[in-house]
Amino acid sequence: MGNVKNKVDLPPAGARLVELMQGINYGHIDGLAVRCGGPVLDPPPHVVREVKFGGENGPRPEAAKEDFALKAQVRDLFAQLEALGDGVIRCLEVKHGLPFKMTIEEDAA
């Protein structure tokens, strides 16, 4: 998944994660399971959405589009998921509908 450039090139769970982040716009996703380098959205992770007074609180405009080029942050997120393989993202922070930073839960080697 590391060389994916457009939304239509993502597997269904990856596309759903992008749509989830766009719908949140600002906030975070807690307890996102990762299996075989991809997000697991069944059962759905816990979502916390931030509301900014006087700011844009709706979903990103791209959410209505079937396809678009993925921003560098999204491509980096999927590269990180692939490198993780199996694990849990304790917290994936979302800003402007894009992944900003994440906290990974893993066993020590």
PDB file of N, CA and C in Angstrom:
ATOM      1  N   MET A   1       0.814  -1.195   0.000  1.00  0.00           N
ATOM      2  CA  MET A   1       0.000   0.000   0.000  1.00  0.00           C
ATOM      3  C   MET A   1       0.860   1.263   0.000  1.00  0.00           C
ATOM      4  N   GLY A   2       2.145   1.127   0.198  1.00  0.00           N
ATOM      5  CA  GLY A   2       3.033   2.259   0.313  1.00  0.00           C
ATOM      6  C   GLY A   2       3.123   3.137  -0.926  1.00  0.00           C
ATOM      7  N   ASN A   3       2.834   2.597  -2.112  1.00  0.00           N
ATOM      8  CA  ASN A   3       2.960   3.389  -3.329  1.00  0.00           C
ATOM      9  C   ASN A   3       1.611   3.852  -3.880  1.00  0.00           C
ATOM     10  N   VAL A   4       0.558   3.764  -3.080  1.00  0.00           N
ATOM     11  CA  VAL A   4      -0.777   4.187  -3.497  1.00  0.00           C
ATOM     12  C   VAL A   4      -0.809   5.711  -3.567  1.00  0.00           C
ATOM     13  N   LYS A   5      -1.363   6.242  -4.659  1.00  0.00           N
ATOM     14  CA  LYS A   5      -1.383   7.690  -4.846  1.00  0.00           C
ATOM     15  C   LYS A   5      -2.788   8.292  -4.849  1.00  0.00           C
ATOM     16  N   ASN A   6      -3.803   7.493  -5.185  1.00  0.00           N
ATOM     17  CA  ASN A   6      -5.187   7.983  -5.264  1.00  0.00           C
ATOM     18  C   ASN A   6      -6.097   7.170  -4.357  1.00  0.00           C
ATOM     19  N   LYS A   7      -7.208   7.762  -3.982  1.00  0.00           N
ATOM     20  CA  LYS A   7      -8.160   7.090  -3.090  1.00  0.00           C
ATOM     21  C   LYS A   7      -8.689   5.788  -3.699  1.00  0.00           C
ATOM     22  N   VAL A   8      -8.970   5.790  -5.010  1.00  0.00           N
ATOM     23  CA  VAL A   8      -9.535   4.587  -5.636  1.00  0.00           C
ATOM     24  C   VAL A   8      -8.568   3.411  -5.612  1.00  0.00           C
ATOM     25  N   ASP A   9      -7.286   3.676  -5.393  1.00  0.00           N
ATOM     26  CA  ASP A   9      -6.291   2.613  -5.355  1.00  0.00           C
ATOM     27  C   ASP A   9      -6.221   1.918  -3.989  1.00  0.00           C
ATOM     28  N   LEU A  10      -6.875   2.499  -2.993  1.00  0.00           N
ATOM     29  CA  LEU A  10      -6.842   1.929  -1.646  1.00  0.00           C
ATOM     30  C   LEU A  10      -7.770   0.724  -1.538  1.00  0.00           C
ATOM     31  N   PRO A  11      -7.437  -0.222  -0.660  1.00  0.00           N
ATOM     32  CA  PRO A  11      -8.405  -1.282  -0.367  1.00  0.00           C
ATOM     33  C   PRO A  11      -9.614  -0.664   0.343  1.00  0.00           C
ATOM     34  N   PRO A  12     -10.751  -1.360   0.375  1.00  0.00           N
ATOM     35  CA  PRO A  12     -11.961  -0.781   0.975  1.00  0.00           C
ATOM     36  C   PRO A  12     -11.767  -0.239   2.391  1.00  0.00           C
ATOM     37  N   ALA A  13     -11.073  -0.959   3.260  1.00  0.00           N
ATOM     38  CA  ALA A  13     -10.874  -0.470   4.632  1.00  0.00           C
ATOM     39  C   ALA A  13     -10.022   0.798   4.653  1.00  0.00           C
ATOM     40  N   GLY A  14      -9.059   0.895   3.751  1.00  0.00           N
ATOM     41  CA  GLY A  14      -8.239   2.098   3.664  1.00  0.00           C
ATOM     42  C   GLY A  14      -9.053   3.295   3.211  1.00  0.00           C
ATOM     43  N   ALA A  15      -9.909   3.095   2.209  1.00  0.00           N
ATOM     44  CA  ALA A  15     -10.780   4.172   1.731  1.00  0.00           C
ATOM     45  C   ALA A  15     -11.739   4.604   2.825  1.00  0.00           C
ATOM     46  N   ARG A  16     -12.260   3.645   3.591  1.00  0.00           N
ATOM     47  CA  ARG A  16     -13.169   3.984   4.692  1.00  0.00           C
ATOM     48  C   ARG A  16     -12.452   4.783   5.774  1.00  0.00           C
ATOM     49  N   LEU A  17     -11.175   4.466   6.042  1.00  0.00           N
ATOM     50  CA  LEU A  17     -10.408   5.231   7.023  1.00  0.00           C
ATOM     51  C   LEU A  17     -10.216   6.669   6.543  1.00  0.00           C
ATOM     52  N   VAL A  18      -9.905   6.857   5.274  1.00  0.00           N
ATOM     53  CA  VAL A  18      -9.755   8.210   4.716  1.00  0.00           C
ATOM     54  C   VAL A  18     -11.069   8.969   4.867  1.00  0.00           C
ATOM     55  N   GLU A  19     -12.190   8.331   4.541  1.00  0.00           N
ATOM     56  CA  GLU A  19     -13.504   8.966   4.660  1.00  0.00           C
ATOM     57  C   GLU A  19     -13.828   9.295   6.112  1.00  0.00           C
ATOM     58  N   LEU A  20     -13.449   8.423   7.031  1.00  0.00           N
ATOM     59  CA  LEU A  20     -13.674   8.676   8.450  1.00  0.00           C
ATOM     60  C   LEU A  20     -12.896   9.909   8.905  1.00  0.00           C
ATOM     61  N   MET A  21     -11.632  10.005   8.504  1.00  0.00           N
ATOM     62  CA  MET A  21     -10.820  11.165   8.881  1.00  0.00           C
ATOM     63  C   MET A  21     -11.404  12.449   8.289  1.00  0.00           C
ATOM     64  N   GLN A  22     -11.872  12.385   7.047  1.00  0.00           N
ATOM     65  CA  GLN A  22     -12.473  13.560   6.424  1.00  0.00           C
ATOM     66  C   GLN A  22     -13.748  13.974   7.146  1.00  0.00           C
ATOM     67  N   GLY A  23     -14.522  12.998   7.598  1.00  0.00           N
ATOM     68  CA  GLY A  23     -15.757  13.295   8.322  1.00  0.00           C
ATOM     69  C   GLY A  23     -15.491  13.891   9.691  1.00  0.00           C
ATOM     70  N   ILE A  24     -14.431  13.459  10.347  1.00  0.00           N
ATOM     71  CA  ILE A  24     -14.065  13.996  11.658  1.00  0.00           C
ATOM     72  C   ILE A  24     -13.565  15.425  11.510  1.00  0.00           C
ATOM     73  N   ASN A  25     -12.730  15.667  10.526  1.00  0.00           N
ATOM     74  CA  ASN A  25     -12.075  16.941  10.245  1.00  0.00           C
ATOM     75  C   ASN A  25     -11.094  17.316  11.360  1.00  0.00           C
ATOM     76  N   TYR A  26     -11.560  17.487  12.591  1.00  0.00           N
ATOM     77  CA  TYR A  26     -10.691  17.746  13.749  1.00  0.00           C
ATOM     78  C   TYR A  26     -11.095  16.797  14.868  1.00  0.00           C
ATOM     79  N   GLY A  27     -10.121  16.110  15.445  1.00  0.00           N
ATOM     80  CA  GLY A  27     -10.396  15.195  16.551  1.00  0.00           C
ATOM     81  C   GLY A  27      -9.406  14.058  16.545  1.00  0.00           C
ATOM     82  N   HIS A  28      -9.852  12.889  17.028  1.00  0.00           N
ATOM     83  CA  HIS A  28      -8.970  11.736  17.010  1.00  0.00           C
ATOM     84  C   HIS A  28      -9.745  10.433  16.987  1.00  0.00           C
ATOM     85  N   ILE A  29      -9.059   9.405  16.527  1.00  0.00           N
ATOM     86  CA  ILE A  29      -9.587   8.043  16.461  1.00  0.00           C
ATOM     87  C   ILE A  29      -8.806   7.243  17.484  1.00  0.00           C
ATOM     88  N   ASP A  30      -9.517   6.581  18.390  1.00  0.00           N
ATOM     89  CA  ASP A  30      -8.878   5.815  19.462  1.00  0.00           C
ATOM     90  C   ASP A  30      -9.100   4.321  19.263  1.00  0.00           C
ATOM     91  N   GLY A  31      -8.043   3.540  19.501  1.00  0.00           N
ATOM     92  CA  GLY A  31      -8.170   2.085  19.469  1.00  0.00           C
ATOM     93  C   GLY A  31      -8.340   1.510  18.082  1.00  0.00           C
ATOM     94  N   LEU A  32      -7.630   2.049  17.111  1.00  0.00           N
ATOM     95  CA  LEU A  32      -7.723   1.538  15.741  1.00  0.00           C
ATOM     96  C   LEU A  32      -6.813   0.318  15.595  1.00  0.00           C
ATOM     97  N   ALA A  33      -7.424  -0.826  15.368  1.00  0.00           N
ATOM     98  CA  ALA A  33      -6.656  -2.055  15.177  1.00  0.00           C
ATOM     99  C   ALA A  33      -6.030  -2.069  13.786  1.00  0.00           C
ATOM    100  N   VAL A  34      -4.836  -2.658  13.705  1.00  0.00           N
ATOM    101  CA  VAL A  34      -4.121  -2.807  12.439  1.00  0.00           C
ATOM    102  C   VAL A  34      -3.775  -4.288  12.286  1.00  0.00           C
ATOM    103  N   ARG A  35      -4.180  -4.871  11.172  1.00  0.00           N
ATOM    104  CA  ARG A  35      -3.879  -6.269  10.882  1.00  0.00           C
ATOM    105  C   ARG A  35      -3.287  -6.358   9.480  1.00  0.00           C
ATOM    106  N   CYS A  36      -2.187  -7.065   9.372  1.00  0.00           N
ATOM    107  CA  CYS A  36      -1.515  -7.241   8.082  1.00  0.00           C
ATOM    108  C   CYS A  36      -1.261  -5.909   7.381  1.00  0.00           C
ATOM    109  N   GLY A  37      -0.951  -4.880   8.160  1.00  0.00           N
ATOM    110  CA  GLY A  37      -0.608  -3.585   7.598  1.00  0.00           C
ATOM    111  C   GLY A  37      -1.765  -2.718   7.174  1.00  0.00           C
ATOM    112  N   GLY A  38      -2.993  -3.140   7.480  1.00  0.00           N
ATOM    113  CA  GLY A  38      -4.167  -2.356   7.097  1.00  0.00           C
ATOM    114  C   GLY A  38      -5.075  -2.079   8.269  1.00  0.00           C
ATOM    115  N   PRO A  39      -5.869  -1.020   8.176  1.00  0.00           N
ATOM    116  CA  PRO A  39      -6.780  -0.690   9.269  1.00  0.00           C
ATOM    117  C   PRO A  39      -7.925  -1.691   9.366  1.00  0.00           C
ATOM    118  N   VAL A  40      -8.365  -1.945  10.597  1.00  0.00           N
ATOM    119  CA  VAL A  40      -9.518  -2.809  10.848  1.00  0.00           C
ATOM    120  C   VAL A  40     -10.615  -1.920  11.418  1.00  0.00           C
ATOM    121  N   LEU A  41     -11.712  -1.799  10.688  1.00  0.00           N
ATOM    122  CA  LEU A  41     -12.789  -0.899  11.106  1.00  0.00           C
ATOM    123  C   LEU A  41     -14.033  -1.643  11.576  1.00  0.00           C
ATOM    124  N   ASP A  42     -13.907  -2.943  11.759  1.00  0.00           N
ATOM    125  CA  ASP A  42     -15.013  -3.745  12.279  1.00  0.00           C
ATOM    126  C   ASP A  42     -14.480  -4.605  13.415  1.00  0.00           C
ATOM    127  N   PRO A  43     -14.763  -4.268  14.661  1.00  0.00           N
ATOM    128  CA  PRO A  43     -15.682  -3.235  15.115  1.00  0.00           C
ATOM    129  C   PRO A  43     -15.088  -1.842  14.928  1.00  0.00           C
ATOM    130  N   PRO A  44     -15.966  -0.844  14.826  1.00  0.00           N
ATOM    131  CA  PRO A  44     -15.474   0.508  14.596  1.00  0.00           C
ATOM    132  C   PRO A  44     -14.677   1.033  15.795  1.00  0.00           C
ATOM    133  N   PRO A  45     -13.636   1.814  15.513  1.00  0.00           N
ATOM    134  CA  PRO A  45     -12.882   2.430  16.610  1.00  0.00           C
ATOM    135  C   PRO A  45     -13.691   3.568  17.238  1.00  0.00           C
ATOM    136  N   HIS A  46     -13.250   4.011  18.391  1.00  0.00           N
ATOM    137  CA  HIS A  46     -13.889   5.133  19.086  1.00  0.00           C
ATOM    138  C   HIS A  46     -13.432   6.438  18.430  1.00  0.00           C
ATOM    139  N   VAL A  47     -14.362   7.341  18.163  1.00  0.00           N
ATOM    140  CA  VAL A  47     -14.052   8.607  17.510  1.00  0.00           C
ATOM    141  C   VAL A  47     -14.408   9.760  18.442  1.00  0.00           C
ATOM    142  N   VAL A  48     -13.490  10.714  18.558  1.00  0.00           N
ATOM    143  CA  VAL A  48     -13.732  11.945  19.311  1.00  0.00           C
ATOM    144  C   VAL A  48     -13.566  13.090  18.319  1.00  0.00           C
ATOM    145  N   ARG A  49     -14.623  13.857  18.141  1.00  0.00           N
ATOM    146  CA  ARG A  49     -14.583  14.971  17.195  1.00  0.00           C
ATOM    147  C   ARG A  49     -14.528  16.277  17.970  1.00  0.00           C
ATOM    148  N   GLU A  50     -13.633  17.169  17.547  1.00  0.00           N
ATOM    149  CA  GLU A  50     -13.527  18.486  18.163  1.00  0.00           C
ATOM    150  C   GLU A  50     -14.404  19.467  17.391  1.00  0.00           C
ATOM    151  N   VAL A  51     -15.039  20.372  18.121  1.00  0.00           N
ATOM    152  CA  VAL A  51     -15.834  21.428  17.516  1.00  0.00           C
ATOM    153  C   VAL A  51     -15.114  22.736  17.771  1.00  0.00           C
ATOM    154  N   LYS A  52     -14.796  23.442  16.693  1.00  0.00           N
ATOM    155  CA  LYS A  52     -14.097  24.720  16.798  1.00  0.00           C
ATOM    156  C   LYS A  52     -15.115  25.840  16.593  1.00  0.00           C
ATOM    157  N   PHE A  53     -15.326  26.641  17.614  1.00  0.00           N
ATOM    158  CA  PHE A  53     -16.282  27.730  17.516  1.00  0.00           C
ATOM    159  C   PHE A  53     -15.774  28.778  16.529  1.00  0.00           C
ATOM    160  N   GLY A  54     -16.640  29.161  15.608  1.00  0.00           N
ATOM    161  CA  GLY A  54     -16.269  30.123  14.582  1.00  0.00           C
ATOM    162  C   GLY A  54     -15.417  29.521  13.480  1.00  0.00           C
ATOM    163  N   GLY A  55     -15.230  28.196  13.495  1.00  0.00           N
ATOM    164  CA  GLY A  55     -14.387  27.537  12.494  1.00  0.00           C
ATOM    165  C   GLY A  55     -15.190  26.545  11.680  1.00  0.00           C
ATOM    166  N   GLU A  56     -14.506  25.881  10.759  1.00  0.00           N
ATOM    167  CA  GLU A  56     -15.140  24.857   9.937  1.00  0.00           C
ATOM    168  C   GLU A  56     -15.247  23.563  10.736  1.00  0.00           C
ATOM    169  N   ASN A  57     -16.474  23.078  10.897  1.00  0.00           N
ATOM    170  CA  ASN A  57     -16.693  21.871  11.679  1.00  0.00           C
ATOM    171  C   ASN A  57     -17.266  20.725  10.862  1.00  0.00           C
ATOM    172  N   GLY A  58     -17.592  20.971   9.622  1.00  0.00           N
ATOM    173  CA  GLY A  58     -18.163  19.922   8.783  1.00  0.00           C
ATOM    174  C   GLY A  58     -17.082  19.065   8.164  1.00  0.00           C
ATOM    175  N   PRO A  59     -17.508  18.073   7.407  1.00  0.00           N
ATOM    176  CA  PRO A  59     -16.529  17.205   6.729  1.00  0.00           C
ATOM    177  C   PRO A  59     -15.765  17.972   5.669  1.00  0.00           C
ATOM    178  N   ARG A  60     -14.631  17.435   5.283  1.00  0.00           N
ATOM    179  CA  ARG A  60     -13.800  18.039   4.242  1.00  0.00           C
ATOM    180  C   ARG A  60     -14.537  18.016   2.900  1.00  0.00           C
ATOM    181  N   PRO A  61     -14.309  19.017   2.046  1.00  0.00           N
ATOM    182  CA  PRO A  61     -14.973  19.042   0.737  1.00  0.00           C
ATOM    183  C   PRO A  61     -14.657  17.816  -0.114  1.00  0.00           C
ATOM    184  N   GLU A  62     -13.464  17.235   0.054  1.00  0.00           N
ATOM    185  CA  GLU A  62     -13.078  16.063  -0.739  1.00  0.00           C
ATOM    186  C   GLU A  62     -13.939  14.849  -0.417  1.00  0.00           C
ATOM    187  N   ALA A  63     -14.600  14.864   0.738  1.00  0.00           N
ATOM    188  CA  ALA A  63     -15.397  13.706   1.156  1.00  0.00           C
ATOM    189  C   ALA A  63     -16.484  13.370   0.139  1.00  0.00           C
ATOM    190  N   ALA A  64     -16.935  14.352  -0.604  1.00  0.00           N
ATOM    191  CA  ALA A  64     -17.984  14.117  -1.596  1.00  0.00           C
ATOM    192  C   ALA A  64     -17.433  13.549  -2.906  1.00  0.00           C
ATOM    193  N   LYS A  65     -16.120  13.530  -3.056  1.00  0.00           N
ATOM    194  CA  LYS A  65     -15.516  13.060  -4.304  1.00  0.00           C
ATOM    195  C   LYS A  65     -15.237  11.559  -4.249  1.00  0.00           C
ATOM    196  N   GLU A  66     -15.437  10.910  -5.363  1.00  0.00           N
ATOM    197  CA  GLU A  66     -15.170   9.472  -5.481  1.00  0.00           C
ATOM    198  C   GLU A  66     -13.669   9.182  -5.486  1.00  0.00           C
ATOM    199  N   ASP A  67     -12.899  10.082  -6.119  1.00  0.00           N
ATOM    200  CA  ASP A  67     -11.455   9.885  -6.207  1.00  0.00           C
ATOM    201  C   ASP A  67     -10.733  11.220  -6.143  1.00  0.00           C
ATOM    202  N   PHE A  68      -9.536  11.181  -5.610  1.00  0.00           N
ATOM    203  CA  PHE A  68      -8.653  12.341  -5.543  1.00  0.00           C
ATOM    204  C   PHE A  68      -7.270  11.839  -5.177  1.00  0.00           C
ATOM    205  N   ALA A  69      -6.269  12.678  -5.419  1.00  0.00           N
ATOM    206  CA  ALA A  69      -4.896  12.330  -5.049  1.00  0.00           C
ATOM    207  C   ALA A  69      -4.753  12.404  -3.528  1.00  0.00           C
ATOM    208  N   LEU A  70      -4.086  11.408  -2.972  1.00  0.00           N
ATOM    209  CA  LEU A  70      -3.876  11.369  -1.525  1.00  0.00           C
ATOM    210  C   LEU A  70      -2.741  12.308  -1.135  1.00  0.00           C
ATOM    211  N   LYS A  71      -2.962  13.084  -0.088  1.00  0.00           N
ATOM    212  CA  LYS A  71      -1.924  13.990   0.429  1.00  0.00           C
ATOM    213  C   LYS A  71      -0.788  13.160   1.031  1.00  0.00           C
ATOM    214  N   ALA A  72       0.370  13.796   1.157  1.00  0.00           N
ATOM    215  CA  ALA A  72       1.561  13.130   1.693  1.00  0.00           C
ATOM    216  C   ALA A  72       1.305  12.543   3.078  1.00  0.00           C
ATOM    217  N   GLN A  73       0.539  13.246   3.915  1.00  0.00           N
ATOM    218  CA  GLN A  73       0.265  12.750   5.270  1.00  0.00           C
ATOM    219  C   GLN A  73      -0.502  11.426   5.243  1.00  0.00           C
ATOM    220  N   VAL A  74      -1.428  11.295   4.306  1.00  0.00           N
ATOM    221  CA  VAL A  74      -2.221  10.067   4.192  1.00  0.00           C
ATOM    222  C   VAL A  74      -1.339   8.927   3.684  1.00  0.00           C
ATOM    223  N   ARG A  75      -0.517   9.217   2.688  1.00  0.00           N
ATOM    224  CA  ARG A  75       0.394   8.188   2.178  1.00  0.00           C
ATOM    225  C   ARG A  75       1.365   7.745   3.269  1.00  0.00           C
ATOM    226  N   ASP A  76       1.833   8.690   4.075  1.00  0.00           N
ATOM    227  CA  ASP A  76       2.737   8.362   5.181  1.00  0.00           C
ATOM    228  C   ASP A  76       2.028   7.500   6.224  1.00  0.00           C
ATOM    229  N   LEU A  77       0.773   7.819   6.531  1.00  0.00           N
ATOM    230  CA  LEU A  77       0.008   7.010   7.480  1.00  0.00           C
ATOM    231  C   LEU A  77      -0.059   5.561   7.006  1.00  0.00           C
ATOM    232  N   PHE A  78      -0.396   5.340   5.742  1.00  0.00           N
ATOM    233  CA  PHE A  78      -0.514   3.973   5.238  1.00  0.00           C
ATOM    234  C   PHE A  78       0.837   3.261   5.201  1.00  0.00           C
ATOM    235  N   ALA A  79       1.902   4.000   4.963  1.00  0.00           N
ATOM    236  CA  ALA A  79       3.246   3.401   5.033  1.00  0.00           C
ATOM    237  C   ALA A  79       3.554   2.982   6.470  1.00  0.00           C
ATOM    238  N   GLN A  80       3.146   3.790   7.437  1.00  0.00           N
ATOM    239  CA  GLN A  80       3.356   3.447   8.850  1.00  0.00           C
ATOM    240  C   GLN A  80       2.531   2.223   9.249  1.00  0.00           C
ATOM    241  N   LEU A  81       1.292   2.146   8.767  1.00  0.00           N
ATOM    242  CA  LEU A  81       0.449   0.982   9.070  1.00  0.00           C
ATOM    243  C   LEU A  81       1.068  -0.285   8.497  1.00  0.00           C
ATOM    244  N   GLU A  82       1.576  -0.175   7.271  1.00  0.00           N
ATOM    245  CA  GLU A  82       2.210  -1.322   6.626  1.00  0.00           C
ATOM    246  C   GLU A  82       3.440  -1.763   7.415  1.00  0.00           C
ATOM    247  N   ALA A  83       4.238  -0.804   7.883  1.00  0.00           N
ATOM    248  CA  ALA A  83       5.434  -1.129   8.672  1.00  0.00           C
ATOM    249  C   ALA A  83       5.055  -1.738  10.017  1.00  0.00           C
ATOM    250  N   LEU A  84       3.951  -1.283  10.601  1.00  0.00           N
ATOM    251  CA  LEU A  84       3.495  -1.816  11.886  1.00  0.00           C
ATOM    252  C   LEU A  84       3.062  -3.269  11.750  1.00  0.00           C
ATOM    253  N   GLY A  85       2.393  -3.589  10.669  1.00  0.00           N
ATOM    254  CA  GLY A  85       1.924  -4.959  10.461  1.00  0.00           C
ATOM    255  C   GLY A  85       0.689  -5.263  11.287  1.00  0.00           C
ATOM    256  N   ASP A  86       0.886  -5.649  12.541  1.00  0.00           N
ATOM    257  CA  ASP A  86      -0.209  -5.942  13.466  1.00  0.00           C
ATOM    258  C   ASP A  86       0.010  -5.133  14.734  1.00  0.00           C
ATOM    259  N   GLY A  87      -1.041  -4.507  15.213  1.00  0.00           N
ATOM    260  CA  GLY A  87      -0.941  -3.723  16.441  1.00  0.00           C
ATOM    261  C   GLY A  87      -2.178  -2.888  16.633  1.00  0.00           C
ATOM    262  N   VAL A  88      -2.053  -1.907  17.511  1.00  0.00           N
ATOM    263  CA  VAL A  88      -3.171  -1.008  17.811  1.00  0.00           C
ATOM    264  C   VAL A  88      -2.648   0.423  17.826  1.00  0.00           C
ATOM    265  N   ILE A  89      -3.354   1.284  17.143  1.00  0.00           N
ATOM    266  CA  ILE A  89      -3.063   2.709  17.237  1.00  0.00           C
ATOM    267  C   ILE A  89      -3.915   3.230  18.381  1.00  0.00           C
ATOM    268  N   ARG A  90      -3.248   3.565  19.450  1.00  0.00           N
ATOM    269  CA  ARG A  90      -3.981   4.043  20.626  1.00  0.00           C
ATOM    270  C   ARG A  90      -4.715   5.333  20.295  1.00  0.00           C
ATOM    271  N   CYS A  91      -4.043   6.257  19.591  1.00  0.00           N
ATOM    272  CA  CYS A  91      -4.669   7.531  19.249  1.00  0.00           C
ATOM    273  C   CYS A  91      -4.121   8.016  17.908  1.00  0.00           C
ATOM    274  N   LEU A  92      -5.012   8.288  16.966  1.00  0.00           N
ATOM    275  CA  LEU A  92      -4.658   8.874  15.682  1.00  0.00           C
ATOM    276  C   LEU A  92      -5.295  10.259  15.639  1.00  0.00           C
ATOM    277  N   GLU A  93      -4.466  11.281  15.754  1.00  0.00           N
ATOM    278  CA  GLU A  93      -4.962  12.652  15.769  1.00  0.00           C
ATOM    279  C   GLU A  93      -5.201  13.124  14.339  1.00  0.00           C
ATOM    280  N   VAL A  94      -6.342  13.786  14.139  1.00  0.00           N
ATOM    281  CA  VAL A  94      -6.757  14.251  12.820  1.00  0.00           C
ATOM    282  C   VAL A  94      -6.921  15.770  12.859  1.00  0.00           C
ATOM    283  N   LYS A  95      -6.282  16.455  11.906  1.00  0.00           N
ATOM    284  CA  LYS A  95      -6.428  17.906  11.755  1.00  0.00           C
ATOM    285  C   LYS A  95      -6.669  18.202  10.284  1.00  0.00           C
ATOM    286  N   HIS A  96      -7.670  19.041  10.002  1.00  0.00           N
ATOM    287  CA  HIS A  96      -8.039  19.369   8.623  1.00  0.00           C
ATOM    288  C   HIS A  96      -8.389  18.113   7.827  1.00  0.00           C
ATOM    289  N   GLY A  97      -8.913  17.083   8.487  1.00  0.00           N
ATOM    290  CA  GLY A  97      -9.288  15.842   7.811  1.00  0.00           C
ATOM    291  C   GLY A  97      -8.121  14.959   7.443  1.00  0.00           C
ATOM    292  N   LEU A  98      -6.918  15.308   7.919  1.00  0.00           N
ATOM    293  CA  LEU A  98      -5.702  14.559   7.593  1.00  0.00           C
ATOM    294  C   LEU A  98      -5.072  14.001   8.859  1.00  0.00           C
ATOM    295  N   PRO A  99      -4.384  12.859   8.746  1.00  0.00           N
ATOM    296  CA  PRO A  99      -3.682  12.340   9.913  1.00  0.00           C
ATOM    297  C   PRO A  99      -2.563  13.310  10.297  1.00  0.00           C
ATOM    298  N   PHE A 100      -2.471  13.614  11.597  1.00  0.00           N
ATOM    299  CA  PHE A 100      -1.465  14.560  12.071  1.00  0.00           C
ATOM    300  C   PHE A 100      -0.361  13.845  12.845  1.00  0.00           C
ATOM    301  N   LYS A 101      -0.764  12.998  13.806  1.00  0.00           N
ATOM    302  CA  LYS A 101       0.198  12.188  14.556  1.00  0.00           C
ATOM    303  C   LYS A 101      -0.545  11.017  15.172  1.00  0.00           C
ATOM    304  N   MET A 102       0.232   9.988  15.576  1.00  0.00           N
ATOM    305  CA  MET A 102      -0.409   8.828  16.186  1.00  0.00           C
ATOM    306  C   MET A 102       0.461   8.276  17.306  1.00  0.00           C
ATOM    307  N   THR A 103      -0.222   7.624  18.233  1.00  0.00           N
ATOM    308  CA  THR A 103       0.428   6.920  19.327  1.00  0.00           C
ATOM    309  C   THR A 103       0.171   5.435  19.108  1.00  0.00           C
ATOM    310  N   ILE A 104       1.243   4.655  19.039  1.00  0.00           N
ATOM    311  CA  ILE A 104       1.114   3.223  18.722  1.00  0.00           C
ATOM    312  C   ILE A 104       1.296   2.409  19.989  1.00  0.00           C
ATOM    313  N   GLU A 105       0.466   1.405  20.134  1.00  0.00           N
ATOM    314  CA  GLU A 105       0.561   0.466  21.240  1.00  0.00           C
ATOM    315  C   GLU A 105       1.174  -0.813  20.698  1.00  0.00           C
ATOM    316  N   GLU A 106       2.324  -1.227  21.257  1.00  0.00           N
ATOM    317  CA  GLU A 106       2.963  -2.456  20.787  1.00  0.00           C
ATOM    318  C   GLU A 106       3.719  -3.115  21.926  1.00  0.00           C
ATOM    319  N   ASP A 107       4.002  -4.376  21.774  1.00  0.00           N
ATOM    320  CA  ASP A 107       4.766  -5.113  22.776  1.00  0.00           C
ATOM    321  C   ASP A 107       6.252  -4.841  22.584  1.00  0.00           C
ATOM    322  N   ALA A 108       6.968  -4.734  23.687  1.00  0.00           N
ATOM    323  CA  ALA A 108       8.421  -4.543  23.617  1.00  0.00           C
ATOM    324  C   ALA A 108       9.075  -5.813  23.082  1.00  0.00           C
ATOM    325  N   ALA A 109      10.101  -5.638  22.319  1.00  0.00           N
ATOM    326  CA  ALA A 109      10.793  -6.797  21.741  1.00  0.00           C
ATOM    327  C   ALA A 109      11.698  -7.471  22.732  1.00  0.00           C
TER     328      ALA A 109
END
